[in-house]
Amino acid sequence: TICAKNLPNSLAVIALAERGKMLYAPDVYMEKIAVGPGYPRGIIDLNASAAENLGRLAEAKGCRVADLNACIMDRPRHARLIEEVRATGAAIRLIGDGDVAGVIHTTDPDTTGIDIYMGIGGAPEGVLAAAALRCTGGQMQGRLLLDTPEKIARARKMGVTDPLRIYDMGERASGDVIFAATGVTGGNMLSGVHFGRDSISA
């Protein structure tokens, strides 16, 4: 969608690891929360409220909660989360698509303006984002949204035995991990593809 509409931060990405070192995620939604490098371990917690996570992050950064910027996908399912974040005074960057880019942006808040990613997106994208943070630094937690018997059964066939389990970054992408991203459209961190009269360059 981002590429088709020529919106910022369309990426082509790939993540590589040894067989069995990445979570074999079913095609369902996943709750996610992520921050970049440089913070104490355990600073984010999917079981905590948005206010608690933002408060701990602000304390670690030595700033006010109102100085933080949270990236959230602009979806009806996030209406309550958006209300909770706004109630803390933190700013929100709503994105239409591209939560892998949203997570990656937490790694360089001085450039992107994004301090934390919160919300629900695709589970396979959650594995890609975890691989990116393994390479660049940061913390991320994810929990599969297995809210129907069919989803639970499908996940069980893929080796997921606990539908409520919270996966940390290393449990979704472990061992030696390689992650590569190329900008398709220009964005905060990567330049996009440029079409010249006789050439195409990135």
N, C-alpha and C. Protein backbone atom coordinates (compact mmCIF):
# COMPACT_ATOMS: atom_id res chain seq x y z
N THR A 1 0.82 -1.21 0.00
CA THR A 1 0.00 0.00 0.00
C THR A 1 0.86 1.26 0.00
N ILE A 2 1.89 1.27 0.83
CA ILE A 2 2.76 2.45 0.89
C ILE A 2 3.41 2.69 -0.47
N CYS A 3 3.89 1.64 -1.09
CA CYS A 3 4.56 1.78 -2.39
C CYS A 3 3.55 2.22 -3.45
N ALA A 4 2.39 1.60 -3.47
CA ALA A 4 1.38 1.91 -4.49
C ALA A 4 0.92 3.36 -4.41
N LYS A 5 0.88 3.91 -3.19
CA LYS A 5 0.44 5.29 -3.00
C LYS A 5 1.61 6.27 -2.98
N ASN A 6 2.84 5.76 -3.16
CA ASN A 6 4.05 6.59 -3.14
C ASN A 6 4.16 7.39 -1.84
N LEU A 7 3.90 6.69 -0.74
CA LEU A 7 4.01 7.30 0.58
C LEU A 7 5.39 6.99 1.16
N PRO A 8 5.83 7.72 2.18
CA PRO A 8 7.17 7.50 2.73
C PRO A 8 7.32 6.15 3.42
N ASN A 9 8.58 5.68 3.45
CA ASN A 9 9.00 4.53 4.24
C ASN A 9 8.52 3.18 3.72
N SER A 10 8.33 3.07 2.41
CA SER A 10 8.14 1.74 1.83
C SER A 10 9.50 1.05 1.74
N LEU A 11 9.58 -0.17 2.27
CA LEU A 11 10.84 -0.89 2.34
C LEU A 11 10.73 -2.25 1.69
N ALA A 12 11.84 -2.71 1.13
CA ALA A 12 12.02 -4.12 0.76
C ALA A 12 12.99 -4.70 1.78
N VAL A 13 12.57 -5.75 2.49
CA VAL A 13 13.39 -6.26 3.59
C VAL A 13 13.57 -7.77 3.47
N ILE A 14 14.65 -8.24 4.07
CA ILE A 14 14.89 -9.68 4.18
C ILE A 14 15.64 -9.94 5.47
N ALA A 15 15.31 -11.04 6.12
CA ALA A 15 16.01 -11.46 7.34
C ALA A 15 16.45 -12.90 7.16
N LEU A 16 17.68 -13.18 7.57
CA LEU A 16 18.26 -14.52 7.44
C LEU A 16 18.80 -15.00 8.77
N ALA A 17 18.57 -16.29 9.04
CA ALA A 17 19.14 -16.94 10.23
C ALA A 17 19.20 -18.43 9.95
N GLU A 18 19.87 -19.16 10.83
CA GLU A 18 19.89 -20.60 10.69
C GLU A 18 18.48 -21.17 10.83
N ARG A 19 18.26 -22.30 10.19
CA ARG A 19 16.94 -22.94 10.25
C ARG A 19 16.54 -23.17 11.71
N GLY A 20 15.32 -22.79 12.04
CA GLY A 20 14.81 -22.99 13.38
C GLY A 20 15.11 -21.86 14.34
N LYS A 21 15.85 -20.85 13.90
CA LYS A 21 16.23 -19.75 14.78
C LYS A 21 15.26 -18.57 14.72
N MET A 22 14.27 -18.64 13.83
CA MET A 22 13.24 -17.61 13.78
C MET A 22 11.89 -18.23 14.12
N LEU A 23 11.06 -17.47 14.80
CA LEU A 23 9.74 -17.94 15.16
C LEU A 23 8.93 -18.23 13.90
N TYR A 24 8.43 -19.43 13.80
CA TYR A 24 7.57 -19.81 12.67
C TYR A 24 6.18 -19.28 12.99
N ALA A 25 5.94 -18.04 12.64
CA ALA A 25 4.73 -17.34 13.07
C ALA A 25 3.57 -17.59 12.12
N PRO A 26 2.41 -17.93 12.65
CA PRO A 26 1.23 -18.05 11.79
C PRO A 26 0.81 -16.67 11.29
N ASP A 27 0.04 -16.65 10.24
CA ASP A 27 -0.41 -15.40 9.64
C ASP A 27 -1.60 -14.85 10.43
N VAL A 28 -1.28 -14.35 11.61
CA VAL A 28 -2.28 -13.74 12.49
C VAL A 28 -1.73 -12.40 12.97
N TYR A 29 -2.52 -11.70 13.77
CA TYR A 29 -2.03 -10.46 14.36
C TYR A 29 -1.15 -10.74 15.58
N MET A 30 -0.33 -9.74 15.88
CA MET A 30 0.56 -9.83 17.05
C MET A 30 0.58 -8.49 17.76
N GLU A 31 0.42 -8.52 19.08
CA GLU A 31 0.64 -7.31 19.89
C GLU A 31 2.14 -7.06 19.95
N LYS A 32 2.53 -5.78 19.81
CA LYS A 32 3.96 -5.47 19.77
C LYS A 32 4.26 -4.21 20.57
N ILE A 33 5.44 -4.19 21.14
CA ILE A 33 5.97 -2.98 21.75
C ILE A 33 7.48 -3.03 21.58
N ALA A 34 8.07 -1.89 21.20
CA ALA A 34 9.50 -1.88 20.90
C ALA A 34 10.11 -0.53 21.22
N VAL A 35 11.37 -0.57 21.64
CA VAL A 35 12.17 0.64 21.83
C VAL A 35 13.56 0.37 21.25
N GLY A 36 14.31 1.41 21.04
CA GLY A 36 15.66 1.29 20.50
C GLY A 36 16.68 0.93 21.55
N PRO A 37 17.97 0.99 21.20
CA PRO A 37 19.05 0.60 22.11
C PRO A 37 19.32 1.65 23.18
N GLY A 38 20.06 1.22 24.22
CA GLY A 38 20.55 2.15 25.23
C GLY A 38 19.71 2.24 26.49
N TYR A 39 18.70 1.38 26.61
CA TYR A 39 17.84 1.43 27.80
C TYR A 39 18.05 0.19 28.66
N PRO A 40 17.73 0.28 29.96
CA PRO A 40 17.86 -0.89 30.82
C PRO A 40 16.98 -2.03 30.33
N ARG A 41 17.46 -3.23 30.48
CA ARG A 41 16.70 -4.40 30.05
C ARG A 41 15.39 -4.47 30.83
N GLY A 42 14.32 -4.80 30.14
CA GLY A 42 13.02 -4.94 30.77
C GLY A 42 12.25 -3.64 30.92
N ILE A 43 12.66 -2.61 30.20
CA ILE A 43 12.01 -1.31 30.34
C ILE A 43 10.60 -1.31 29.77
N ILE A 44 10.32 -2.22 28.82
CA ILE A 44 8.98 -2.32 28.25
C ILE A 44 8.35 -3.65 28.64
N ASP A 45 7.02 -3.64 28.72
CA ASP A 45 6.30 -4.84 29.16
C ASP A 45 4.90 -4.82 28.54
N LEU A 46 4.59 -5.84 27.74
CA LEU A 46 3.27 -5.90 27.11
C LEU A 46 2.14 -5.99 28.14
N ASN A 47 2.43 -6.51 29.31
CA ASN A 47 1.39 -6.62 30.34
C ASN A 47 1.17 -5.32 31.09
N ALA A 48 2.04 -4.35 30.90
CA ALA A 48 1.89 -3.05 31.56
C ALA A 48 1.03 -2.12 30.70
N SER A 49 0.51 -1.09 31.32
CA SER A 49 -0.30 -0.12 30.57
C SER A 49 0.59 0.78 29.74
N ALA A 50 -0.04 1.47 28.79
CA ALA A 50 0.71 2.44 27.98
C ALA A 50 1.35 3.50 28.86
N ALA A 51 0.63 3.96 29.88
CA ALA A 51 1.15 4.99 30.77
C ALA A 51 2.38 4.49 31.52
N GLU A 52 2.34 3.22 31.98
CA GLU A 52 3.48 2.68 32.71
C GLU A 52 4.70 2.56 31.81
N ASN A 53 4.50 2.05 30.59
CA ASN A 53 5.64 1.91 29.67
C ASN A 53 6.22 3.26 29.30
N LEU A 54 5.37 4.23 29.04
CA LEU A 54 5.86 5.57 28.69
C LEU A 54 6.55 6.22 29.88
N GLY A 55 6.03 6.00 31.08
CA GLY A 55 6.65 6.56 32.27
C GLY A 55 8.05 6.02 32.51
N ARG A 56 8.22 4.70 32.34
CA ARG A 56 9.53 4.10 32.53
C ARG A 56 10.51 4.58 31.45
N LEU A 57 10.00 4.71 30.22
CA LEU A 57 10.86 5.17 29.13
C LEU A 57 11.30 6.61 29.37
N ALA A 58 10.39 7.47 29.79
CA ALA A 58 10.74 8.86 30.06
C ALA A 58 11.77 8.96 31.17
N GLU A 59 11.60 8.15 32.22
CA GLU A 59 12.56 8.17 33.33
C GLU A 59 13.94 7.75 32.84
N ALA A 60 14.00 6.73 32.00
CA ALA A 60 15.28 6.26 31.48
C ALA A 60 15.94 7.29 30.57
N LYS A 61 15.12 8.03 29.82
CA LYS A 61 15.67 9.05 28.92
C LYS A 61 16.00 10.35 29.64
N GLY A 62 15.47 10.49 30.85
CA GLY A 62 15.67 11.73 31.58
C GLY A 62 14.86 12.87 31.02
N CYS A 63 13.63 12.56 30.58
CA CYS A 63 12.77 13.59 30.00
C CYS A 63 11.35 13.42 30.54
N ARG A 64 10.47 14.30 30.11
CA ARG A 64 9.07 14.19 30.47
C ARG A 64 8.37 13.22 29.52
N VAL A 65 7.28 12.61 30.00
CA VAL A 65 6.47 11.78 29.10
C VAL A 65 5.99 12.60 27.92
N ALA A 66 5.70 13.87 28.15
CA ALA A 66 5.22 14.74 27.08
C ALA A 66 6.26 14.96 25.99
N ASP A 67 7.51 14.62 26.27
CA ASP A 67 8.57 14.77 25.27
C ASP A 67 8.72 13.53 24.38
N LEU A 68 7.98 12.47 24.70
CA LEU A 68 8.09 11.22 23.95
C LEU A 68 7.14 11.23 22.75
N ASN A 69 7.51 10.42 21.75
CA ASN A 69 6.68 10.27 20.56
C ASN A 69 6.48 8.78 20.31
N ALA A 70 5.22 8.34 20.31
CA ALA A 70 4.90 6.93 20.10
C ALA A 70 4.38 6.72 18.69
N CYS A 71 4.88 5.70 18.03
CA CYS A 71 4.43 5.34 16.68
C CYS A 71 3.36 4.26 16.80
N ILE A 72 2.20 4.50 16.20
CA ILE A 72 1.08 3.58 16.26
C ILE A 72 0.43 3.52 14.88
N MET A 73 0.04 2.34 14.44
CA MET A 73 -0.66 2.24 13.17
C MET A 73 -2.07 2.82 13.30
N ASP A 74 -2.49 3.56 12.28
CA ASP A 74 -3.79 4.23 12.28
C ASP A 74 -4.87 3.21 11.91
N ARG A 75 -5.36 2.51 12.92
CA ARG A 75 -6.36 1.48 12.74
C ARG A 75 -7.45 1.62 13.81
N PRO A 76 -8.70 1.29 13.48
CA PRO A 76 -9.77 1.35 14.49
C PRO A 76 -9.46 0.53 15.73
N ARG A 77 -8.74 -0.58 15.57
CA ARG A 77 -8.44 -1.43 16.72
C ARG A 77 -7.55 -0.74 17.75
N HIS A 78 -6.92 0.36 17.35
CA HIS A 78 -6.01 1.08 18.24
C HIS A 78 -6.65 2.29 18.91
N ALA A 79 -7.96 2.45 18.77
CA ALA A 79 -8.63 3.63 19.31
C ALA A 79 -8.39 3.79 20.82
N ARG A 80 -8.51 2.70 21.55
CA ARG A 80 -8.31 2.78 23.01
C ARG A 80 -6.86 3.07 23.35
N LEU A 81 -5.94 2.41 22.65
CA LEU A 81 -4.52 2.65 22.88
C LEU A 81 -4.16 4.10 22.61
N ILE A 82 -4.67 4.65 21.53
CA ILE A 82 -4.39 6.05 21.19
C ILE A 82 -4.91 6.98 22.28
N GLU A 83 -6.09 6.69 22.80
CA GLU A 83 -6.64 7.50 23.90
C GLU A 83 -5.75 7.43 25.12
N GLU A 84 -5.27 6.22 25.44
CA GLU A 84 -4.42 6.05 26.62
C GLU A 84 -3.10 6.82 26.47
N VAL A 85 -2.51 6.76 25.28
CA VAL A 85 -1.24 7.46 25.06
C VAL A 85 -1.46 8.97 25.11
N ARG A 86 -2.52 9.45 24.48
CA ARG A 86 -2.79 10.89 24.49
C ARG A 86 -3.05 11.40 25.90
N ALA A 87 -3.66 10.56 26.73
CA ALA A 87 -3.95 10.96 28.10
C ALA A 87 -2.67 11.20 28.91
N THR A 88 -1.57 10.58 28.51
CA THR A 88 -0.30 10.77 29.22
C THR A 88 0.39 12.07 28.82
N GLY A 89 -0.03 12.66 27.71
CA GLY A 89 0.64 13.85 27.20
C GLY A 89 1.67 13.57 26.13
N ALA A 90 1.98 12.28 25.89
CA ALA A 90 2.95 11.93 24.85
C ALA A 90 2.36 12.22 23.47
N ALA A 91 3.24 12.51 22.52
CA ALA A 91 2.81 12.73 21.14
C ALA A 91 2.68 11.38 20.43
N ILE A 92 1.92 11.37 19.34
CA ILE A 92 1.68 10.15 18.58
C ILE A 92 2.00 10.40 17.12
N ARG A 93 2.71 9.48 16.50
CA ARG A 93 2.93 9.48 15.06
C ARG A 93 2.10 8.33 14.49
N LEU A 94 1.00 8.65 13.83
CA LEU A 94 0.16 7.62 13.23
C LEU A 94 0.68 7.27 11.85
N ILE A 95 0.78 5.97 11.57
CA ILE A 95 1.20 5.52 10.25
C ILE A 95 0.10 4.65 9.66
N GLY A 96 -0.05 4.71 8.34
CA GLY A 96 -1.09 3.93 7.69
C GLY A 96 -0.72 2.48 7.53
N ASP A 97 0.53 2.22 7.22
CA ASP A 97 1.05 0.87 7.03
C ASP A 97 2.53 0.88 7.38
N GLY A 98 3.15 -0.30 7.31
CA GLY A 98 4.60 -0.36 7.46
C GLY A 98 5.09 -0.40 8.89
N ASP A 99 4.59 -1.36 9.68
CA ASP A 99 5.04 -1.37 11.07
C ASP A 99 6.45 -1.90 11.24
N VAL A 100 7.02 -2.57 10.24
CA VAL A 100 8.44 -2.94 10.33
C VAL A 100 9.29 -1.67 10.36
N ALA A 101 8.98 -0.74 9.46
CA ALA A 101 9.68 0.55 9.46
C ALA A 101 9.43 1.29 10.77
N GLY A 102 8.20 1.22 11.28
CA GLY A 102 7.89 1.89 12.54
C GLY A 102 8.75 1.40 13.69
N VAL A 103 8.97 0.09 13.75
CA VAL A 103 9.83 -0.48 14.80
C VAL A 103 11.28 -0.06 14.58
N ILE A 104 11.76 -0.14 13.34
CA ILE A 104 13.14 0.24 13.06
C ILE A 104 13.40 1.69 13.42
N HIS A 105 12.40 2.54 13.26
CA HIS A 105 12.57 3.97 13.55
C HIS A 105 12.87 4.24 15.02
N THR A 106 12.52 3.31 15.90
CA THR A 106 12.82 3.52 17.32
C THR A 106 14.32 3.47 17.60
N THR A 107 15.10 2.93 16.66
CA THR A 107 16.54 2.78 16.90
C THR A 107 17.29 4.10 16.75
N ASP A 108 16.67 5.11 16.15
CA ASP A 108 17.35 6.40 15.96
C ASP A 108 16.35 7.54 16.15
N PRO A 109 15.87 7.72 17.39
CA PRO A 109 14.83 8.71 17.63
C PRO A 109 15.25 10.14 17.32
N ASP A 110 16.56 10.44 17.38
CA ASP A 110 17.00 11.79 17.07
C ASP A 110 16.76 12.13 15.60
N THR A 111 16.80 11.11 14.74
CA THR A 111 16.55 11.32 13.31
C THR A 111 15.08 11.15 12.95
N THR A 112 14.46 10.11 13.51
CA THR A 112 13.09 9.77 13.10
C THR A 112 12.03 10.44 13.96
N GLY A 113 12.39 10.82 15.18
CA GLY A 113 11.40 11.37 16.09
C GLY A 113 10.54 10.32 16.76
N ILE A 114 10.87 9.05 16.61
CA ILE A 114 10.07 7.96 17.18
C ILE A 114 10.83 7.36 18.37
N ASP A 115 10.21 7.37 19.55
CA ASP A 115 10.83 6.81 20.75
C ASP A 115 10.37 5.40 21.05
N ILE A 116 9.13 5.07 20.68
CA ILE A 116 8.56 3.77 21.05
C ILE A 116 7.51 3.38 20.01
N TYR A 117 7.45 2.10 19.72
CA TYR A 117 6.40 1.58 18.85
C TYR A 117 5.44 0.76 19.70
N MET A 118 4.14 0.95 19.47
CA MET A 118 3.12 0.23 20.23
C MET A 118 1.98 -0.14 19.29
N GLY A 119 1.37 -1.30 19.54
CA GLY A 119 0.17 -1.63 18.78
C GLY A 119 0.16 -3.05 18.25
N ILE A 120 -0.80 -3.29 17.37
CA ILE A 120 -1.06 -4.62 16.83
C ILE A 120 -0.81 -4.61 15.33
N GLY A 121 -0.03 -5.57 14.86
CA GLY A 121 0.22 -5.72 13.44
C GLY A 121 0.43 -7.18 13.11
N GLY A 122 0.87 -7.47 11.90
CA GLY A 122 1.05 -8.84 11.47
C GLY A 122 2.15 -9.55 12.24
N ALA A 123 1.94 -10.85 12.52
CA ALA A 123 2.95 -11.62 13.24
C ALA A 123 4.21 -11.85 12.41
N PRO A 124 4.12 -12.19 11.11
CA PRO A 124 5.36 -12.33 10.34
C PRO A 124 6.18 -11.04 10.32
N GLU A 125 5.50 -9.89 10.24
CA GLU A 125 6.20 -8.62 10.30
C GLU A 125 6.86 -8.41 11.66
N GLY A 126 6.26 -8.97 12.70
CA GLY A 126 6.85 -8.90 14.02
C GLY A 126 8.16 -9.67 14.11
N VAL A 127 8.27 -10.76 13.36
CA VAL A 127 9.51 -11.53 13.32
C VAL A 127 10.57 -10.75 12.56
N LEU A 128 10.19 -10.14 11.43
CA LEU A 128 11.13 -9.32 10.67
C LEU A 128 11.65 -8.15 11.51
N ALA A 129 10.74 -7.49 12.22
CA ALA A 129 11.14 -6.35 13.05
C ALA A 129 12.08 -6.78 14.17
N ALA A 130 11.81 -7.95 14.76
CA ALA A 130 12.68 -8.46 15.81
C ALA A 130 14.08 -8.74 15.26
N ALA A 131 14.14 -9.28 14.04
CA ALA A 131 15.44 -9.53 13.41
C ALA A 131 16.20 -8.22 13.20
N ALA A 132 15.48 -7.18 12.79
CA ALA A 132 16.12 -5.88 12.60
C ALA A 132 16.70 -5.35 13.90
N LEU A 133 15.95 -5.46 14.98
CA LEU A 133 16.44 -4.96 16.26
C LEU A 133 17.59 -5.81 16.79
N ARG A 134 17.60 -7.11 16.48
CA ARG A 134 18.74 -7.94 16.87
C ARG A 134 20.04 -7.39 16.27
N CYS A 135 19.94 -6.80 15.07
CA CYS A 135 21.11 -6.30 14.38
C CYS A 135 21.48 -4.87 14.78
N THR A 136 20.50 -4.09 15.13
CA THR A 136 20.74 -2.67 15.40
C THR A 136 20.70 -2.32 16.88
N GLY A 137 20.12 -3.20 17.68
CA GLY A 137 19.98 -2.94 19.11
C GLY A 137 18.57 -2.48 19.44
N GLY A 138 18.16 -2.78 20.64
CA GLY A 138 16.82 -2.40 21.07
C GLY A 138 16.15 -3.52 21.83
N GLN A 139 14.89 -3.30 22.17
CA GLN A 139 14.10 -4.30 22.89
C GLN A 139 12.72 -4.38 22.24
N MET A 140 12.18 -5.58 22.21
CA MET A 140 10.85 -5.76 21.62
C MET A 140 10.18 -6.97 22.24
N GLN A 141 8.90 -6.84 22.49
CA GLN A 141 8.08 -7.95 22.95
C GLN A 141 6.91 -8.13 22.00
N GLY A 142 6.46 -9.37 21.86
CA GLY A 142 5.32 -9.65 21.00
C GLY A 142 4.48 -10.78 21.56
N ARG A 143 3.18 -10.70 21.32
CA ARG A 143 2.26 -11.77 21.76
C ARG A 143 1.25 -12.02 20.64
N LEU A 144 1.17 -13.26 20.20
CA LEU A 144 0.25 -13.62 19.14
C LEU A 144 -1.19 -13.43 19.61
N LEU A 145 -2.02 -12.90 18.72
CA LEU A 145 -3.44 -12.74 19.03
C LEU A 145 -4.19 -13.96 18.48
N LEU A 146 -4.29 -14.96 19.31
CA LEU A 146 -4.97 -16.20 18.95
C LEU A 146 -6.33 -16.20 19.62
N ASP A 147 -7.29 -15.50 19.02
CA ASP A 147 -8.56 -15.24 19.68
C ASP A 147 -9.70 -16.10 19.17
N THR A 148 -9.41 -17.12 18.38
CA THR A 148 -10.44 -18.06 17.94
C THR A 148 -9.87 -19.47 18.03
N PRO A 149 -10.75 -20.49 18.19
CA PRO A 149 -10.25 -21.87 18.22
C PRO A 149 -9.48 -22.25 16.95
N GLU A 150 -9.91 -21.70 15.80
CA GLU A 150 -9.23 -22.02 14.55
C GLU A 150 -7.81 -21.49 14.54
N LYS A 151 -7.61 -20.28 15.03
CA LYS A 151 -6.28 -19.70 15.09
C LYS A 151 -5.39 -20.45 16.07
N ILE A 152 -5.97 -20.83 17.20
CA ILE A 152 -5.20 -21.59 18.20
C ILE A 152 -4.75 -22.92 17.62
N ALA A 153 -5.66 -23.61 16.90
CA ALA A 153 -5.33 -24.89 16.29
C ALA A 153 -4.27 -24.73 15.22
N ARG A 154 -4.38 -23.67 14.40
CA ARG A 154 -3.40 -23.44 13.35
C ARG A 154 -2.02 -23.15 13.95
N ALA A 155 -2.01 -22.35 15.02
CA ALA A 155 -0.74 -22.03 15.66
C ALA A 155 -0.12 -23.26 16.31
N ARG A 156 -0.97 -24.14 16.87
CA ARG A 156 -0.45 -25.35 17.51
C ARG A 156 0.24 -26.23 16.48
N LYS A 157 -0.30 -26.29 15.28
CA LYS A 157 0.33 -27.09 14.22
C LYS A 157 1.70 -26.52 13.83
N MET A 158 1.91 -25.23 14.11
CA MET A 158 3.18 -24.60 13.79
C MET A 158 4.12 -24.57 14.98
N GLY A 159 3.72 -25.26 16.07
CA GLY A 159 4.61 -25.39 17.21
C GLY A 159 4.34 -24.43 18.35
N VAL A 160 3.28 -23.61 18.25
CA VAL A 160 2.95 -22.66 19.32
C VAL A 160 2.02 -23.35 20.31
N THR A 161 2.52 -23.64 21.51
CA THR A 161 1.74 -24.39 22.50
C THR A 161 1.06 -23.49 23.53
N ASP A 162 1.58 -22.29 23.74
CA ASP A 162 1.01 -21.37 24.71
C ASP A 162 0.48 -20.14 23.99
N PRO A 163 -0.85 -20.01 23.82
CA PRO A 163 -1.41 -18.90 23.06
C PRO A 163 -1.24 -17.54 23.73
N LEU A 164 -0.89 -17.52 25.02
CA LEU A 164 -0.73 -16.25 25.74
C LEU A 164 0.73 -15.88 25.95
N ARG A 165 1.63 -16.63 25.41
CA ARG A 165 3.05 -16.41 25.65
C ARG A 165 3.53 -15.08 25.07
N ILE A 166 4.35 -14.38 25.85
CA ILE A 166 5.00 -13.16 25.37
C ILE A 166 6.40 -13.53 24.90
N TYR A 167 6.69 -13.24 23.64
CA TYR A 167 7.99 -13.55 23.06
C TYR A 167 8.88 -12.31 23.12
N ASP A 168 10.09 -12.48 23.64
CA ASP A 168 11.01 -11.37 23.57
C ASP A 168 11.71 -11.39 22.21
N MET A 169 12.55 -10.42 21.98
CA MET A 169 13.19 -10.27 20.68
C MET A 169 13.99 -11.50 20.30
N GLY A 170 14.75 -12.04 21.24
CA GLY A 170 15.61 -13.18 20.95
C GLY A 170 14.85 -14.45 20.68
N GLU A 171 13.64 -14.57 21.18
CA GLU A 171 12.85 -15.77 20.94
C GLU A 171 12.22 -15.76 19.54
N ARG A 172 12.18 -14.61 18.92
CA ARG A 172 11.65 -14.54 17.55
C ARG A 172 12.75 -14.56 16.51
N ALA A 173 13.95 -14.16 16.90
CA ALA A 173 15.08 -14.18 15.97
C ALA A 173 16.34 -14.38 16.81
N SER A 174 16.90 -15.59 16.79
CA SER A 174 18.04 -15.90 17.66
C SER A 174 19.24 -16.35 16.83
N GLY A 175 20.35 -16.52 17.51
CA GLY A 175 21.57 -16.93 16.82
C GLY A 175 22.11 -15.80 15.96
N ASP A 176 22.86 -16.19 14.93
CA ASP A 176 23.40 -15.21 14.00
C ASP A 176 22.29 -14.77 13.04
N VAL A 177 22.01 -13.49 13.03
CA VAL A 177 20.92 -12.94 12.23
C VAL A 177 21.47 -11.87 11.28
N ILE A 178 21.00 -11.91 10.06
CA ILE A 178 21.32 -10.88 9.09
C ILE A 178 20.01 -10.23 8.65
N PHE A 179 19.99 -8.91 8.67
CA PHE A 179 18.79 -8.18 8.23
C PHE A 179 19.22 -7.11 7.24
N ALA A 180 18.50 -6.99 6.15
CA ALA A 180 18.79 -5.96 5.15
C ALA A 180 17.50 -5.27 4.75
N ALA A 181 17.57 -3.96 4.60
CA ALA A 181 16.42 -3.17 4.16
C ALA A 181 16.86 -2.19 3.09
N THR A 182 16.07 -2.07 2.06
CA THR A 182 16.30 -1.11 0.99
C THR A 182 15.10 -0.21 0.87
N GLY A 183 15.32 1.09 0.76
CA GLY A 183 14.21 2.01 0.59
C GLY A 183 13.61 1.89 -0.80
N VAL A 184 12.30 1.77 -0.87
CA VAL A 184 11.58 1.80 -2.15
C VAL A 184 11.07 3.22 -2.39
N THR A 185 10.40 3.77 -1.40
CA THR A 185 10.09 5.20 -1.39
C THR A 185 10.93 5.84 -0.29
N GLY A 186 11.26 7.10 -0.45
CA GLY A 186 12.11 7.78 0.53
C GLY A 186 11.45 7.86 1.89
N GLY A 187 12.29 7.88 2.93
CA GLY A 187 11.75 7.96 4.28
C GLY A 187 12.73 8.59 5.23
N ASN A 188 12.48 8.41 6.52
CA ASN A 188 13.31 9.04 7.54
C ASN A 188 14.72 8.48 7.60
N MET A 189 14.88 7.21 7.23
CA MET A 189 16.19 6.56 7.41
C MET A 189 16.82 6.12 6.09
N LEU A 190 16.02 5.85 5.06
CA LEU A 190 16.55 5.34 3.81
C LEU A 190 16.01 6.14 2.63
N SER A 191 16.86 6.35 1.64
CA SER A 191 16.42 6.99 0.41
C SER A 191 15.67 5.98 -0.45
N GLY A 192 14.75 6.47 -1.25
CA GLY A 192 13.98 5.59 -2.11
C GLY A 192 14.60 5.46 -3.49
N VAL A 193 13.89 4.78 -4.37
CA VAL A 193 14.34 4.58 -5.74
C VAL A 193 14.08 5.85 -6.55
N HIS A 194 15.07 6.23 -7.34
CA HIS A 194 14.95 7.42 -8.18
C HIS A 194 15.02 7.02 -9.65
N PHE A 195 14.07 7.47 -10.43
CA PHE A 195 14.01 7.15 -11.85
C PHE A 195 14.57 8.30 -12.66
N GLY A 196 15.68 8.05 -13.32
CA GLY A 196 16.26 9.02 -14.23
C GLY A 196 15.83 8.75 -15.66
N ARG A 197 16.28 9.58 -16.58
CA ARG A 197 15.88 9.37 -17.96
C ARG A 197 16.40 8.06 -18.52
N ASP A 198 17.62 7.70 -18.13
CA ASP A 198 18.24 6.48 -18.67
C ASP A 198 18.67 5.49 -17.58
N SER A 199 18.29 5.76 -16.35
CA SER A 199 18.77 4.88 -15.28
C SER A 199 17.82 4.91 -14.08
N ILE A 200 17.97 3.90 -13.24
CA ILE A 200 17.23 3.80 -11.98
C ILE A 200 18.26 3.62 -10.87
N SER A 201 18.18 4.43 -9.84
CA SER A 201 19.16 4.35 -8.76
C SER A 201 18.45 4.41 -7.41
N ALA A 202 19.17 3.96 -6.38
CA ALA A 202 18.63 3.99 -5.03
C ALA A 202 19.44 4.96 -4.18
